[in-house]
Amino acid sequence: EFPDAHYWISAKTNSRFPAFSQPDHVALFCETLDESVARFGLNLFAYAVLPDTYELFVSTPTANLSQAVGWFQATLTIRYNRRFGHVGHVFRGRFKAILVSPERYGAS
């Protein structure tokens, strides 16, 4: 992890469970993501929510990617389970993060 680094992040749901197939599920995802971005000072450039996966493009002004995304996934799982009566893991495991060079894509 690096300060001011850009990352492409993705995570899949456990057993390809369609956790984000309903508007209420996506709304909870977005609310929790907004909270995580504010809490950890991330810069969110883009995101995609599919029924069984999510992807984010973020930068981290401080080197706190694992803390931020770990908090996001744990908090979302707790809220999801309570709100929708689900039990157990929502996500398959640790998220995948790829370091992206902004210069390569014309960003700064």
N, C-alpha and C. Protein backbone atom coordinates (compact mmCIF):
# COMPACT_ATOMS: atom_id res chain seq x y z
N GLU A 1 0.84 -1.19 0.00
CA GLU A 1 0.00 0.00 0.00
C GLU A 1 0.87 1.24 0.00
N PHE A 2 0.42 2.24 -0.74
CA PHE A 2 1.18 3.46 -0.89
C PHE A 2 0.27 4.67 -0.74
N PRO A 3 0.78 5.78 -0.21
CA PRO A 3 -0.01 7.00 -0.22
C PRO A 3 -0.16 7.49 -1.66
N ASP A 4 -1.30 8.08 -1.95
CA ASP A 4 -1.62 8.63 -3.27
C ASP A 4 -1.57 7.58 -4.39
N ALA A 5 -1.84 6.34 -4.06
CA ALA A 5 -1.87 5.27 -5.05
C ALA A 5 -3.29 5.08 -5.58
N HIS A 6 -3.37 4.58 -6.81
CA HIS A 6 -4.65 4.29 -7.45
C HIS A 6 -4.80 2.77 -7.54
N TYR A 7 -6.01 2.29 -7.24
CA TYR A 7 -6.26 0.85 -7.22
C TYR A 7 -7.56 0.51 -7.93
N TRP A 8 -7.54 -0.62 -8.64
CA TRP A 8 -8.76 -1.24 -9.14
C TRP A 8 -9.06 -2.38 -8.19
N ILE A 9 -10.22 -2.35 -7.55
CA ILE A 9 -10.58 -3.32 -6.51
C ILE A 9 -11.78 -4.12 -6.99
N SER A 10 -11.76 -5.41 -6.72
CA SER A 10 -12.93 -6.23 -7.02
C SER A 10 -13.09 -7.30 -5.95
N ALA A 11 -14.33 -7.72 -5.77
CA ALA A 11 -14.64 -8.80 -4.85
C ALA A 11 -15.89 -9.50 -5.34
N LYS A 12 -15.93 -10.80 -5.12
CA LYS A 12 -17.07 -11.62 -5.53
C LYS A 12 -17.82 -12.12 -4.30
N THR A 13 -19.09 -12.36 -4.47
CA THR A 13 -19.88 -12.89 -3.37
C THR A 13 -19.60 -14.38 -3.18
N ASN A 14 -19.89 -14.85 -2.01
CA ASN A 14 -19.69 -16.25 -1.66
C ASN A 14 -20.61 -17.13 -2.51
N SER A 15 -20.05 -18.13 -3.14
CA SER A 15 -20.81 -19.09 -3.98
C SER A 15 -21.63 -18.40 -5.07
N ARG A 16 -21.14 -17.24 -5.51
CA ARG A 16 -21.82 -16.47 -6.55
C ARG A 16 -23.26 -16.12 -6.19
N PHE A 17 -23.52 -16.02 -4.90
CA PHE A 17 -24.82 -15.62 -4.38
C PHE A 17 -25.17 -14.24 -4.94
N PRO A 18 -26.37 -14.04 -5.50
CA PRO A 18 -26.74 -12.73 -6.07
C PRO A 18 -27.11 -11.73 -4.98
N ALA A 19 -26.13 -11.33 -4.21
CA ALA A 19 -26.36 -10.46 -3.04
C ALA A 19 -26.85 -9.07 -3.43
N PHE A 20 -26.54 -8.63 -4.63
CA PHE A 20 -26.89 -7.26 -5.03
C PHE A 20 -27.84 -7.26 -6.23
N SER A 21 -28.82 -8.13 -6.17
CA SER A 21 -29.76 -8.29 -7.30
C SER A 21 -31.01 -7.42 -7.16
N GLN A 22 -31.21 -6.82 -6.02
CA GLN A 22 -32.40 -6.01 -5.77
C GLN A 22 -32.01 -4.55 -5.49
N PRO A 23 -32.87 -3.60 -5.81
CA PRO A 23 -32.55 -2.19 -5.55
C PRO A 23 -32.21 -1.91 -4.08
N ASP A 24 -32.90 -2.55 -3.13
CA ASP A 24 -32.60 -2.34 -1.71
C ASP A 24 -31.18 -2.81 -1.37
N HIS A 25 -30.74 -3.89 -2.00
CA HIS A 25 -29.38 -4.41 -1.76
C HIS A 25 -28.34 -3.42 -2.27
N VAL A 26 -28.58 -2.87 -3.46
CA VAL A 26 -27.65 -1.92 -4.06
C VAL A 26 -27.63 -0.62 -3.25
N ALA A 27 -28.79 -0.19 -2.75
CA ALA A 27 -28.84 1.02 -1.93
C ALA A 27 -28.01 0.86 -0.67
N LEU A 28 -28.10 -0.30 -0.02
CA LEU A 28 -27.30 -0.55 1.17
C LEU A 28 -25.81 -0.56 0.82
N PHE A 29 -25.47 -1.17 -0.31
CA PHE A 29 -24.08 -1.16 -0.78
C PHE A 29 -23.58 0.27 -0.92
N CYS A 30 -24.35 1.11 -1.63
CA CYS A 30 -23.93 2.50 -1.88
C CYS A 30 -23.83 3.31 -0.59
N GLU A 31 -24.77 3.14 0.33
CA GLU A 31 -24.72 3.85 1.61
C GLU A 31 -23.45 3.48 2.38
N THR A 32 -23.14 2.20 2.42
CA THR A 32 -21.96 1.74 3.16
C THR A 32 -20.68 2.18 2.45
N LEU A 33 -20.67 2.15 1.13
CA LEU A 33 -19.51 2.62 0.38
C LEU A 33 -19.27 4.10 0.64
N ASP A 34 -20.33 4.91 0.59
CA ASP A 34 -20.19 6.35 0.88
C ASP A 34 -19.58 6.58 2.26
N GLU A 35 -20.05 5.81 3.22
CA GLU A 35 -19.53 5.95 4.59
C GLU A 35 -18.05 5.57 4.66
N SER A 36 -17.67 4.51 3.97
CA SER A 36 -16.28 4.08 3.96
C SER A 36 -15.39 5.12 3.29
N VAL A 37 -15.83 5.67 2.18
CA VAL A 37 -15.07 6.71 1.48
C VAL A 37 -14.83 7.91 2.40
N ALA A 38 -15.86 8.35 3.09
CA ALA A 38 -15.74 9.49 4.00
C ALA A 38 -14.88 9.16 5.21
N ARG A 39 -15.08 8.00 5.79
CA ARG A 39 -14.36 7.60 7.01
C ARG A 39 -12.87 7.47 6.78
N PHE A 40 -12.48 6.93 5.62
CA PHE A 40 -11.07 6.63 5.36
C PHE A 40 -10.42 7.59 4.38
N GLY A 41 -11.16 8.59 3.92
CA GLY A 41 -10.59 9.62 3.05
C GLY A 41 -10.20 9.11 1.68
N LEU A 42 -10.92 8.14 1.16
CA LEU A 42 -10.63 7.63 -0.17
C LEU A 42 -11.15 8.58 -1.23
N ASN A 43 -10.55 8.53 -2.39
CA ASN A 43 -11.09 9.21 -3.57
C ASN A 43 -11.70 8.13 -4.45
N LEU A 44 -13.00 8.18 -4.63
CA LEU A 44 -13.71 7.20 -5.43
C LEU A 44 -13.96 7.79 -6.81
N PHE A 45 -13.41 7.14 -7.85
CA PHE A 45 -13.55 7.62 -9.22
C PHE A 45 -14.66 6.89 -9.98
N ALA A 46 -14.83 5.61 -9.69
CA ALA A 46 -15.84 4.81 -10.39
C ALA A 46 -16.15 3.57 -9.57
N TYR A 47 -17.37 3.06 -9.77
CA TYR A 47 -17.73 1.79 -9.15
C TYR A 47 -18.77 1.09 -10.01
N ALA A 48 -18.82 -0.23 -9.85
CA ALA A 48 -19.84 -1.04 -10.52
C ALA A 48 -20.33 -2.07 -9.52
N VAL A 49 -21.64 -2.25 -9.49
CA VAL A 49 -22.25 -3.25 -8.62
C VAL A 49 -23.04 -4.20 -9.51
N LEU A 50 -22.62 -5.45 -9.54
CA LEU A 50 -23.32 -6.49 -10.28
C LEU A 50 -23.95 -7.43 -9.26
N PRO A 51 -24.84 -8.32 -9.67
CA PRO A 51 -25.49 -9.19 -8.68
C PRO A 51 -24.52 -9.99 -7.79
N ASP A 52 -23.37 -10.40 -8.33
CA ASP A 52 -22.46 -11.23 -7.52
C ASP A 52 -21.04 -10.70 -7.42
N THR A 53 -20.85 -9.43 -7.72
CA THR A 53 -19.51 -8.84 -7.61
C THR A 53 -19.61 -7.32 -7.52
N TYR A 54 -18.52 -6.72 -7.06
CA TYR A 54 -18.42 -5.26 -7.16
C TYR A 54 -17.01 -4.91 -7.59
N GLU A 55 -16.87 -3.74 -8.20
CA GLU A 55 -15.57 -3.22 -8.60
C GLU A 55 -15.52 -1.75 -8.25
N LEU A 56 -14.34 -1.31 -7.81
CA LEU A 56 -14.11 0.08 -7.44
C LEU A 56 -12.82 0.57 -8.08
N PHE A 57 -12.78 1.84 -8.42
CA PHE A 57 -11.53 2.48 -8.80
C PHE A 57 -11.34 3.62 -7.82
N VAL A 58 -10.31 3.52 -6.99
CA VAL A 58 -10.09 4.48 -5.91
C VAL A 58 -8.63 4.91 -5.85
N SER A 59 -8.40 6.01 -5.17
CA SER A 59 -7.04 6.37 -4.76
C SER A 59 -7.04 6.56 -3.25
N THR A 60 -5.88 6.36 -2.67
CA THR A 60 -5.74 6.43 -1.21
C THR A 60 -4.74 7.53 -0.87
N PRO A 61 -5.21 8.68 -0.40
CA PRO A 61 -4.27 9.73 0.01
C PRO A 61 -3.29 9.26 1.08
N THR A 62 -3.76 8.36 1.96
CA THR A 62 -2.87 7.71 2.92
C THR A 62 -2.85 6.22 2.59
N ALA A 63 -1.90 5.52 3.07
CA ALA A 63 -1.74 4.09 2.75
C ALA A 63 -2.67 3.25 3.64
N ASN A 64 -3.98 3.33 3.36
CA ASN A 64 -4.95 2.65 4.23
C ASN A 64 -5.96 1.80 3.45
N LEU A 65 -5.56 1.27 2.31
CA LEU A 65 -6.49 0.52 1.47
C LEU A 65 -7.06 -0.70 2.19
N SER A 66 -6.22 -1.52 2.79
CA SER A 66 -6.70 -2.74 3.46
C SER A 66 -7.66 -2.41 4.59
N GLN A 67 -7.33 -1.39 5.36
CA GLN A 67 -8.20 -0.99 6.46
C GLN A 67 -9.55 -0.51 5.93
N ALA A 68 -9.53 0.30 4.88
CA ALA A 68 -10.77 0.87 4.34
C ALA A 68 -11.67 -0.19 3.71
N VAL A 69 -11.11 -1.03 2.85
CA VAL A 69 -11.93 -2.03 2.17
C VAL A 69 -12.32 -3.15 3.13
N GLY A 70 -11.43 -3.49 4.06
CA GLY A 70 -11.78 -4.47 5.08
C GLY A 70 -12.97 -4.00 5.92
N TRP A 71 -12.92 -2.74 6.34
CA TRP A 71 -14.04 -2.18 7.10
C TRP A 71 -15.31 -2.19 6.26
N PHE A 72 -15.21 -1.78 5.00
CA PHE A 72 -16.36 -1.74 4.11
C PHE A 72 -17.01 -3.12 3.98
N GLN A 73 -16.22 -4.14 3.69
CA GLN A 73 -16.79 -5.48 3.49
C GLN A 73 -17.36 -6.05 4.79
N ALA A 74 -16.67 -5.86 5.90
CA ALA A 74 -17.18 -6.38 7.18
C ALA A 74 -18.47 -5.66 7.58
N THR A 75 -18.49 -4.35 7.46
CA THR A 75 -19.67 -3.57 7.83
C THR A 75 -20.84 -3.87 6.91
N LEU A 76 -20.57 -3.96 5.62
CA LEU A 76 -21.64 -4.30 4.68
C LEU A 76 -22.22 -5.68 4.97
N THR A 77 -21.37 -6.64 5.29
CA THR A 77 -21.84 -7.99 5.61
C THR A 77 -22.75 -7.97 6.84
N ILE A 78 -22.34 -7.29 7.89
CA ILE A 78 -23.15 -7.21 9.11
C ILE A 78 -24.50 -6.56 8.81
N ARG A 79 -24.48 -5.44 8.13
CA ARG A 79 -25.72 -4.72 7.81
C ARG A 79 -26.61 -5.54 6.88
N TYR A 80 -26.00 -6.16 5.88
CA TYR A 80 -26.75 -6.98 4.93
C TYR A 80 -27.46 -8.13 5.65
N ASN A 81 -26.72 -8.84 6.48
CA ASN A 81 -27.29 -9.98 7.19
C ASN A 81 -28.44 -9.55 8.10
N ARG A 82 -28.26 -8.46 8.81
CA ARG A 82 -29.33 -7.98 9.70
C ARG A 82 -30.55 -7.51 8.94
N ARG A 83 -30.33 -6.77 7.87
CA ARG A 83 -31.45 -6.18 7.14
C ARG A 83 -32.22 -7.19 6.30
N PHE A 84 -31.51 -8.15 5.70
CA PHE A 84 -32.15 -9.06 4.75
C PHE A 84 -32.25 -10.50 5.24
N GLY A 85 -31.90 -10.75 6.51
CA GLY A 85 -32.06 -12.08 7.08
C GLY A 85 -31.12 -13.12 6.53
N HIS A 86 -29.99 -12.69 6.02
CA HIS A 86 -28.98 -13.60 5.50
C HIS A 86 -28.08 -14.02 6.65
N VAL A 87 -27.45 -15.18 6.54
CA VAL A 87 -26.53 -15.66 7.57
C VAL A 87 -25.21 -16.03 6.91
N GLY A 88 -24.11 -15.66 7.54
CA GLY A 88 -22.80 -16.08 7.05
C GLY A 88 -22.12 -15.04 6.19
N HIS A 89 -21.10 -15.50 5.48
CA HIS A 89 -20.29 -14.62 4.65
C HIS A 89 -21.08 -14.13 3.45
N VAL A 90 -20.91 -12.87 3.12
CA VAL A 90 -21.46 -12.34 1.88
C VAL A 90 -20.39 -12.46 0.79
N PHE A 91 -19.14 -12.18 1.17
CA PHE A 91 -18.06 -12.19 0.19
C PHE A 91 -17.24 -13.47 0.26
N ARG A 92 -16.70 -13.85 -0.87
CA ARG A 92 -15.93 -15.08 -1.03
C ARG A 92 -14.65 -15.06 -0.21
N GLY A 93 -14.08 -13.92 -0.01
CA GLY A 93 -12.83 -13.81 0.75
C GLY A 93 -12.30 -12.41 0.61
N ARG A 94 -11.02 -12.29 0.74
CA ARG A 94 -10.36 -10.99 0.62
C ARG A 94 -10.59 -10.42 -0.77
N PHE A 95 -10.69 -9.12 -0.83
CA PHE A 95 -10.85 -8.42 -2.09
C PHE A 95 -9.56 -8.51 -2.91
N LYS A 96 -9.66 -8.27 -4.19
CA LYS A 96 -8.51 -8.23 -5.07
C LYS A 96 -8.22 -6.77 -5.38
N ALA A 97 -6.97 -6.36 -5.25
CA ALA A 97 -6.58 -4.98 -5.54
C ALA A 97 -5.41 -4.97 -6.51
N ILE A 98 -5.57 -4.20 -7.56
CA ILE A 98 -4.52 -4.06 -8.56
C ILE A 98 -4.06 -2.61 -8.56
N LEU A 99 -2.77 -2.40 -8.37
CA LEU A 99 -2.18 -1.07 -8.40
C LEU A 99 -2.20 -0.56 -9.84
N VAL A 100 -2.73 0.64 -10.03
CA VAL A 100 -2.88 1.22 -11.36
C VAL A 100 -2.01 2.46 -11.46
N SER A 101 -1.29 2.59 -12.56
CA SER A 101 -0.49 3.78 -12.80
C SER A 101 -1.37 4.82 -13.49
N PRO A 102 -1.67 5.93 -12.82
CA PRO A 102 -2.57 6.92 -13.44
C PRO A 102 -1.98 7.56 -14.71
N GLU A 103 -0.65 7.63 -14.77
CA GLU A 103 -0.02 8.21 -15.95
C GLU A 103 -0.33 7.39 -17.21
N ARG A 104 -0.47 6.11 -17.04
CA ARG A 104 -0.74 5.22 -18.17
C ARG A 104 -2.11 5.51 -18.79
N TYR A 105 -3.05 6.02 -17.98
CA TYR A 105 -4.40 6.25 -18.45
C TYR A 105 -4.74 7.73 -18.57
N GLY A 106 -3.77 8.59 -18.48
CA GLY A 106 -4.00 10.01 -18.66
C GLY A 106 -4.58 10.73 -17.47
N ALA A 107 -4.60 10.09 -16.29
CA ALA A 107 -5.09 10.73 -15.07
C ALA A 107 -3.92 11.29 -14.29
N SER A 108 -4.22 12.15 -13.34
CA SER A 108 -3.15 12.65 -12.49
C SER A 108 -3.58 12.63 -11.05
